[in-house]
C-alpha atoms as a PDB file:
ATOM      1  CA  MET A   1     -15.267   7.619   1.604  1.00  0.00           C
ATOM      2  CA  ASN A   2     -16.104   5.985   4.855  1.00  0.00           C
ATOM      3  CA  VAL A   3     -14.546   5.524   8.326  1.00  0.00           C
ATOM      4  CA  PHE A   4     -12.504   2.525   7.416  1.00  0.00           C
ATOM      5  CA  GLY A   5     -11.163   4.233   4.394  1.00  0.00           C
ATOM      6  CA  ALA A   6     -10.261   7.266   6.475  1.00  0.00           C
ATOM      7  CA  THR A   7      -8.418   4.770   8.904  1.00  0.00           C
ATOM      8  CA  LEU A   8      -6.633   3.260   6.023  1.00  0.00           C
ATOM      9  CA  LEU A   9      -5.739   6.563   4.675  1.00  0.00           C
ATOM     10  CA  THR A  10      -4.076   7.633   8.183  1.00  0.00           C
ATOM     11  CA  LEU A  11      -2.313   4.057   7.861  1.00  0.00           C
ATOM     12  CA  ALA A  12      -1.196   5.053   4.323  1.00  0.00           C
ATOM     13  CA  LEU A  13       0.275   8.491   5.588  1.00  0.00           C
ATOM     14  CA  CYS A  14       1.916   6.648   8.309  1.00  0.00           C
ATOM     15  CA  ALA A  15       3.432   4.336   6.079  1.00  0.00           C
ATOM     16  CA  ALA A  16       4.377   6.711   3.559  1.00  0.00           C
ATOM     17  CA  THR A  17       6.316   8.804   6.308  1.00  0.00           C
ATOM     18  CA  CYS A  18       8.018   5.688   7.782  1.00  0.00           C
ATOM     19  CA  SER A  19       8.672   4.303   4.488  1.00  0.00           C
ATOM     20  CA  GLY A  20      10.360   7.675   3.506  1.00  0.00           C
ATOM     21  CA  GLN A  21      12.482   7.575   6.507  1.00  0.00           C
ATOM     22  CA  THR A  22      13.584   4.157   6.603  1.00  0.00           C
ATOM     23  CA  GLN A  23      13.897   3.437   2.773  1.00  0.00           C
ATOM     24  CA  SER A  24      17.799   3.922   2.423  1.00  0.00           C
ATOM     25  CA  THR A  25      18.419   1.657   5.544  1.00  0.00           C
ATOM     26  CA  ALA A  26      15.840  -0.996   4.067  1.00  0.00           C
ATOM     27  CA  ASN A  27      17.792  -0.975   0.952  1.00  0.00           C
ATOM     28  CA  THR A  28      21.153  -1.276   2.512  1.00  0.00           C
ATOM     29  CA  ARG A  29      19.852  -4.462   4.360  1.00  0.00           C
ATOM     30  CA  ASP A  30      18.311  -6.510   1.787  1.00  0.00           C
ATOM     31  CA  ASP A  31      17.173  -5.238  -1.543  1.00  0.00           C
ATOM     32  CA  SER A  32      15.105  -8.839  -2.280  1.00  0.00           C
ATOM     33  CA  HIS A  33      12.433  -7.878   0.087  1.00  0.00           C
ATOM     34  CA  ASP A  34       9.817  -4.836  -0.005  1.00  0.00           C
ATOM     35  CA  GLY A  35       8.671  -3.334   3.110  1.00  0.00           C
ATOM     36  CA  THR A  36       5.075  -4.834   2.868  1.00  0.00           C
ATOM     37  CA  ALA A  37       6.524  -8.398   2.474  1.00  0.00           C
ATOM     38  CA  ALA A  38       8.896  -7.869   5.448  1.00  0.00           C
ATOM     39  CA  SER A  39       6.285  -6.374   7.691  1.00  0.00           C
ATOM     40  CA  ALA A  40       3.620  -8.962   6.841  1.00  0.00           C
ATOM     41  CA  SER A  41       6.199 -11.823   7.736  1.00  0.00           C
ATOM     42  CA  MET A  42       6.690 -10.111  11.162  1.00  0.00           C
ATOM     43  CA  GLN A  43       3.012 -10.137  11.915  1.00  0.00           C
ATOM     44  CA  PRO A  44       1.399 -13.059  13.805  1.00  0.00           C
ATOM     45  CA  LYS A  45      -0.752 -14.954  11.687  1.00  0.00           C
ATOM     46  CA  ILE A  46      -4.193 -14.101  11.936  1.00  0.00           C
ATOM     47  CA  ASP A  47      -6.891 -16.975  12.372  1.00  0.00           C
ATOM     48  CA  PRO A  48      -8.164 -17.885   8.742  1.00  0.00           C
ATOM     49  CA  ALA A  49     -11.989 -17.622   9.713  1.00  0.00           C
ATOM     50  CA  LYS A  50     -11.379 -14.080  11.331  1.00  0.00           C
ATOM     51  CA  GLU A  51      -9.275 -13.048   8.600  1.00  0.00           C
ATOM     52  CA  ALA A  52     -12.097 -14.070   6.016  1.00  0.00           C
ATOM     53  CA  ASP A  53     -14.360 -11.937   8.275  1.00  0.00           C
ATOM     54  CA  ILE A  54     -12.135  -8.820   8.154  1.00  0.00           C
ATOM     55  CA  ARG A  55     -11.900  -9.082   4.581  1.00  0.00           C
ATOM     56  CA  LYS A  56     -15.657  -9.268   4.213  1.00  0.00           C
ATOM     57  CA  LEU A  57     -16.054  -6.351   6.592  1.00  0.00           C
ATOM     58  CA  LEU A  58     -13.500  -4.006   4.558  1.00  0.00           C
ATOM     59  CA  ASP A  59     -15.200  -5.120   1.317  1.00  0.00           C
ATOM     60  CA  VAL A  60     -18.844  -4.360   2.782  1.00  0.00           C
ATOM     61  CA  VAL A  61     -17.722  -0.896   3.881  1.00  0.00           C
ATOM     62  CA  GLY A  62     -16.006  -0.370   0.163  1.00  0.00           C
ATOM     63  CA  THR A  63     -12.516   0.085   1.588  1.00  0.00           C
ATOM     64  CA  LYS A  64     -10.709  -0.381  -1.793  1.00  0.00           C
ATOM     65  CA  ALA A  65     -13.025   2.236  -3.617  1.00  0.00           C
ATOM     66  CA  ALA A  66     -12.700   4.512  -0.486  1.00  0.00           C
ATOM     67  CA  MET A  67      -8.868   4.435  -0.763  1.00  0.00           C
ATOM     68  CA  THR A  68      -8.786   5.120  -4.350  1.00  0.00           C
ATOM     69  CA  GLN A  69     -10.953   8.243  -3.998  1.00  0.00           C
ATOM     70  CA  MET A  70      -8.990   9.318  -0.777  1.00  0.00           C
ATOM     71  CA  MET A  71      -5.649   9.028  -2.542  1.00  0.00           C
ATOM     72  CA  GLY A  72      -7.112  11.607  -5.090  1.00  0.00           C
ATOM     73  CA  GLU A  73      -8.209  13.868  -2.360  1.00  0.00           C
ATOM     74  CA  MET A  74      -4.943  13.582  -0.535  1.00  0.00           C
ATOM     75  CA  ALA A  75      -2.956  14.398  -3.826  1.00  0.00           C
ATOM     76  CA  ASN A  76      -5.237  17.343  -4.131  1.00  0.00           C
ATOM     77  CA  THR A  77      -4.405  18.332  -0.517  1.00  0.00           C
ATOM     78  CA  MET A  78      -0.911  17.844  -0.681  1.00  0.00           C
ATOM     79  CA  ARG A  79      -0.106  19.540  -4.038  1.00  0.00           C
ATOM     80  CA  PRO A  80      -0.278  23.147  -2.523  1.00  0.00           C
ATOM     81  CA  ALA A  81       1.882  22.127   0.214  1.00  0.00           C
ATOM     82  CA  MET A  82       4.367  20.588  -1.901  1.00  0.00           C
ATOM     83  CA  THR A  83       4.362  23.678  -3.950  1.00  0.00           C
ATOM     84  CA  ASN A  84       5.234  25.753  -1.218  1.00  0.00           C
ATOM     85  CA  MET A  85       7.832  23.529   0.140  1.00  0.00           C
ATOM     86  CA  PHE A  86      10.102  23.770  -2.938  1.00  0.00           C
ATOM     87  CA  PRO A  87      11.841  26.919  -4.291  1.00  0.00           C
ATOM     88  CA  PRO A  88      10.061  28.566  -7.055  1.00  0.00           C
ATOM     89  CA  GLY A  89      11.328  27.516 -10.609  1.00  0.00           C
ATOM     90  CA  GLU A  90      10.393  26.097 -13.776  1.00  0.00           C
ATOM     91  CA  TYR A  91      11.378  22.517 -12.501  1.00  0.00           C
ATOM     92  CA  ARG A  92       8.782  22.645  -9.691  1.00  0.00           C
ATOM     93  CA  ASP A  93       5.405  21.953 -11.530  1.00  0.00           C
ATOM     94  CA  GLN A  94       7.048  19.068 -13.414  1.00  0.00           C
ATOM     95  CA  LEU A  95       8.645  17.558 -10.294  1.00  0.00           C
ATOM     96  CA  ILE A  96       5.513  17.653  -8.485  1.00  0.00           C
ATOM     97  CA  GLU A  97       3.415  16.205 -11.156  1.00  0.00           C
ATOM     98  CA  LEU A  98       5.926  13.495 -11.716  1.00  0.00           C
ATOM     99  CA  PHE A  99       5.979  12.647  -7.809  1.00  0.00           C
ATOM    100  CA  PHE A 100       2.290  12.352  -7.850  1.00  0.00           C
ATOM    101  CA  GLU A 101       2.435   9.933 -11.013  1.00  0.00           C
ATOM    102  CA  LYS A 102       5.049   7.857  -9.335  1.00  0.00           C
ATOM    103  CA  PHE A 103       3.229   7.903  -6.030  1.00  0.00           C
ATOM    104  CA  GLN A 104      -0.069   6.901  -7.625  1.00  0.00           C
ATOM    105  CA  SER A 105       1.338   4.144  -9.609  1.00  0.00           C
ATOM    106  CA  LYS A 106       2.776   2.597  -6.485  1.00  0.00           C
ATOM    107  CA  ALA A 107      -0.497   3.178  -4.179  1.00  0.00           C
ATOM    108  CA  ASP A 108      -2.461   0.041  -4.448  1.00  0.00           C
ATOM    109  CA  PRO A 109      -5.407  -0.112  -2.353  1.00  0.00           C
ATOM    110  CA  GLN A 110      -5.119  -4.024  -1.857  1.00  0.00           C
ATOM    111  CA  GLN A 111      -1.700  -3.323   0.020  1.00  0.00           C
ATOM    112  CA  MET A 112      -3.495  -0.995   2.303  1.00  0.00           C
ATOM    113  CA  VAL A 113      -5.991  -3.759   2.993  1.00  0.00           C
ATOM    114  CA  GLU A 114      -3.184  -6.125   3.849  1.00  0.00           C
ATOM    115  CA  LEU A 115      -1.560  -3.437   6.170  1.00  0.00           C
ATOM    116  CA  ALA A 116      -5.141  -3.042   7.923  1.00  0.00           C
ATOM    117  CA  MET A 117      -5.675  -6.586   8.508  1.00  0.00           C
ATOM    118  CA  PRO A 118      -3.304  -7.206  11.434  1.00  0.00           C
ATOM    119  CA  VAL A 119      -4.824  -3.764  13.195  1.00  0.00           C
ATOM    120  CA  TYR A 120      -8.240  -4.998  12.829  1.00  0.00           C
ATOM    121  CA  ASP A 121      -7.188  -8.411  14.207  1.00  0.00           C
ATOM    122  CA  LYS A 122      -5.262  -6.713  17.212  1.00  0.00           C
ATOM    123  CA  TYR A 123      -8.604  -4.502  18.150  1.00  0.00           C
ATOM    124  CA  LEU A 124     -11.423  -6.413  17.484  1.00  0.00           C
ATOM    125  CA  SER A 125     -12.583  -9.863  18.092  1.00  0.00           C
ATOM    126  CA  ASP A 126     -14.019 -11.970  15.433  1.00  0.00           C
ATOM    127  CA  GLU A 127     -17.433 -11.482  17.125  1.00  0.00           C
ATOM    128  CA  ASP A 128     -16.928  -7.731  16.827  1.00  0.00           C
ATOM    129  CA  ILE A 129     -16.132  -7.904  13.180  1.00  0.00           C
ATOM    130  CA  ARG A 130     -19.295 -10.078  12.375  1.00  0.00           C
ATOM    131  CA  GLY A 131     -21.399  -7.747  14.468  1.00  0.00           C
ATOM    132  CA  LEU A 132     -20.087  -4.780  12.280  1.00  0.00           C
ATOM    133  CA  ILE A 133     -20.832  -6.727   9.178  1.00  0.00           C
ATOM    134  CA  GLN A 134     -24.344  -7.225  10.410  1.00  0.00           C
ATOM    135  CA  PHE A 135     -24.622  -3.597  11.240  1.00  0.00           C
ATOM    136  CA  TYR A 136     -23.133  -2.090   8.058  1.00  0.00           C
ATOM    137  CA  ALA A 137     -25.895  -4.175   6.036  1.00  0.00           C
ATOM    138  CA  THR A 138     -28.799  -2.169   8.003  1.00  0.00           C
ATOM    139  CA  PRO A 139     -30.011   0.871   6.474  1.00  0.00           C
ATOM    140  CA  LEU A 140     -28.342   2.742   9.522  1.00  0.00           C
ATOM    141  CA  GLY A 141     -25.155   1.127   8.689  1.00  0.00           C
ATOM    142  CA  LYS A 142     -25.194   1.998   5.072  1.00  0.00           C
ATOM    143  CA  ARG A 143     -26.064   5.485   5.903  1.00  0.00           C
ATOM    144  CA  MET A 144     -22.980   5.528   8.288  1.00  0.00           C
ATOM    145  CA  ILE A 145     -20.696   4.409   5.646  1.00  0.00           C
ATOM    146  CA  THR A 146     -21.669   7.479   3.505  1.00  0.00           C
ATOM    147  CA  THR A 147     -22.053  10.021   6.463  1.00  0.00           C
ATOM    148  CA  LEU A 148     -19.264   9.430   8.792  1.00  0.00           C
ATOM    149  CA  PRO A 149     -16.545  10.494   6.754  1.00  0.00           C
ATOM    150  CA  LYS A 150     -18.231  13.776   6.070  1.00  0.00           C
ATOM    151  CA  ILE A 151     -18.719  14.231   9.871  1.00  0.00           C
ATOM    152  CA  MET A 152     -14.887  13.230  10.311  1.00  0.00           C
ATOM    153  CA  ILE A 153     -13.710  15.587   7.628  1.00  0.00           C
ATOM    154  CA  GLU A 154     -16.036  18.686   9.143  1.00  0.00           C
ATOM    155  CA  CYS A 155     -14.773  17.806  12.758  1.00  0.00           C
ATOM    156  CA  THR A 156     -11.193  17.617  11.581  1.00  0.00           C
ATOM    157  CA  GLN A 157     -11.451  21.016   9.939  1.00  0.00           C
ATOM    158  CA  ALA A 158     -13.133  22.584  12.926  1.00  0.00           C
ATOM    159  CA  GLY A 159     -10.314  20.818  15.119  1.00  0.00           C
ATOM    160  CA  GLU A 160      -7.566  22.515  12.973  1.00  0.00           C
ATOM    161  CA  LYS A 161      -9.268  26.020  13.284  1.00  0.00           C
ATOM    162  CA  TRP A 162      -9.610  25.681  16.786  1.00  0.00           C
ATOM    163  CA  GLY A 163      -6.073  24.599  17.270  1.00  0.00           C
ATOM    164  CA  GLU A 164      -4.753  27.514  15.103  1.00  0.00           C
ATOM    165  CA  GLN A 165      -6.769  29.956  17.243  1.00  0.00           C
ATOM    166  CA  LEU A 166      -5.383  28.449  20.555  1.00  0.00           C
ATOM    167  CA  GLY A 167      -1.881  28.366  19.047  1.00  0.00           C
ATOM    168  CA  ARG A 168      -2.011  32.133  18.208  1.00  0.00           C
ATOM    169  CA  GLU A 169      -3.470  33.200  21.135  1.00  0.00           C
ATOM    170  CA  SER A 170      -1.065  30.990  23.212  1.00  0.00           C
ATOM    171  CA  MET A 171       2.122  32.497  21.521  1.00  0.00           C
ATOM    172  CA  GLN A 172       0.743  36.220  21.752  1.00  0.00           C
ATOM    173  CA  GLU A 173       0.367  35.617  25.450  1.00  0.00           C
ATOM    174  CA  VAL A 174       3.821  34.124  25.896  1.00  0.00           C
ATOM    175  CA  LEU A 175       5.389  36.925  23.868  1.00  0.00           C
ATOM    176  CA  ALA A 176       3.517  39.612  25.918  1.00  0.00           C
ATOM    177  CA  GLU A 177       4.355  37.776  29.349  1.00  0.00           C
ATOM    178  CA  HIS A 178       8.002  37.528  28.053  1.00  0.00           C
ATOM    179  CA  PRO A 179       9.285  40.645  26.306  1.00  0.00           C
ATOM    180  CA  ASP A 180      12.746  39.398  26.333  1.00  0.00           C
ATOM    181  CA  LEU A 181      11.893  36.518  24.126  1.00  0.00           C
ATOM    182  CA  LYS A 182       9.977  38.664  21.752  1.00  0.00           C
ATOM    183  CA  LYS A 183      12.964  41.009  21.382  1.00  0.00           C
ATOM    184  CA  ALA A 184      15.284  38.026  20.812  1.00  0.00           C
ATOM    185  CA  MET A 185      12.727  36.532  18.237  1.00  0.00           C
ATOM    186  CA  GLU A 186      12.586  40.055  16.332  1.00  0.00           C
ATOM    187  CA  GLU A 187      16.251  40.234  16.382  1.00  0.00           C
ATOM    188  CA  ALA A 188      16.949  36.811  14.911  1.00  0.00           C
ATOM    189  CA  SER A 189      14.209  37.651  12.088  1.00  0.00           C
ATOM    190  CA  LYS A 190      16.248  40.734  11.246  1.00  0.00           C
ATOM    191  CA  ASN A 191      19.251  38.669  11.245  1.00  0.00           C
ATOM    192  CA  ALA A 192      17.930  36.293   8.954  1.00  0.00           C
ATOM    193  CA  GLN A 193      16.418  38.724   6.530  1.00  0.00           C
ATOM    194  CA  GLN A 194      19.832  40.386   6.141  1.00  0.00           C
ATOM    195  CA  ARG A 195      21.709  37.210   5.253  1.00  0.00           C
END
């Protein structure tokens, strides 16, 4: 995993979410184009020299391998959430397994590289890209490729715990300051359980 892979994973998650929300609309408009081709045609053309440099950078940092690894990790993370999302029953495990088989068969790391191209083009100059290629060829750069994802994961986990604690404290304070809302919430909970 590397920082570029993490960025691409975020893009993948956003793309998956947006794709799921817009799939039926896209199908009714024109079945002859997939979402990737349509979005690629709407992007401005990247300078060929810069495009080659971006591809080289993504290759130097091992983006495709990182994407494959992260897709597996994402599946492991999503599986318990999906299990909790669906009502219990004999169907659930099979449904989730089939979903992940289908998802992984469609998840081509090269498509994520293509989605990343205009993003890198937008935020980084060709000089920036070439500088990053040089940096990631150094011992420190190579170390960052392997270390930065671990740092990001640990910081994300720490941030999630911090956010959960702040959320609990904030809700407890709001309910303590507004007993009428606490009472209304408790009554709504009782009514929901009686149904």
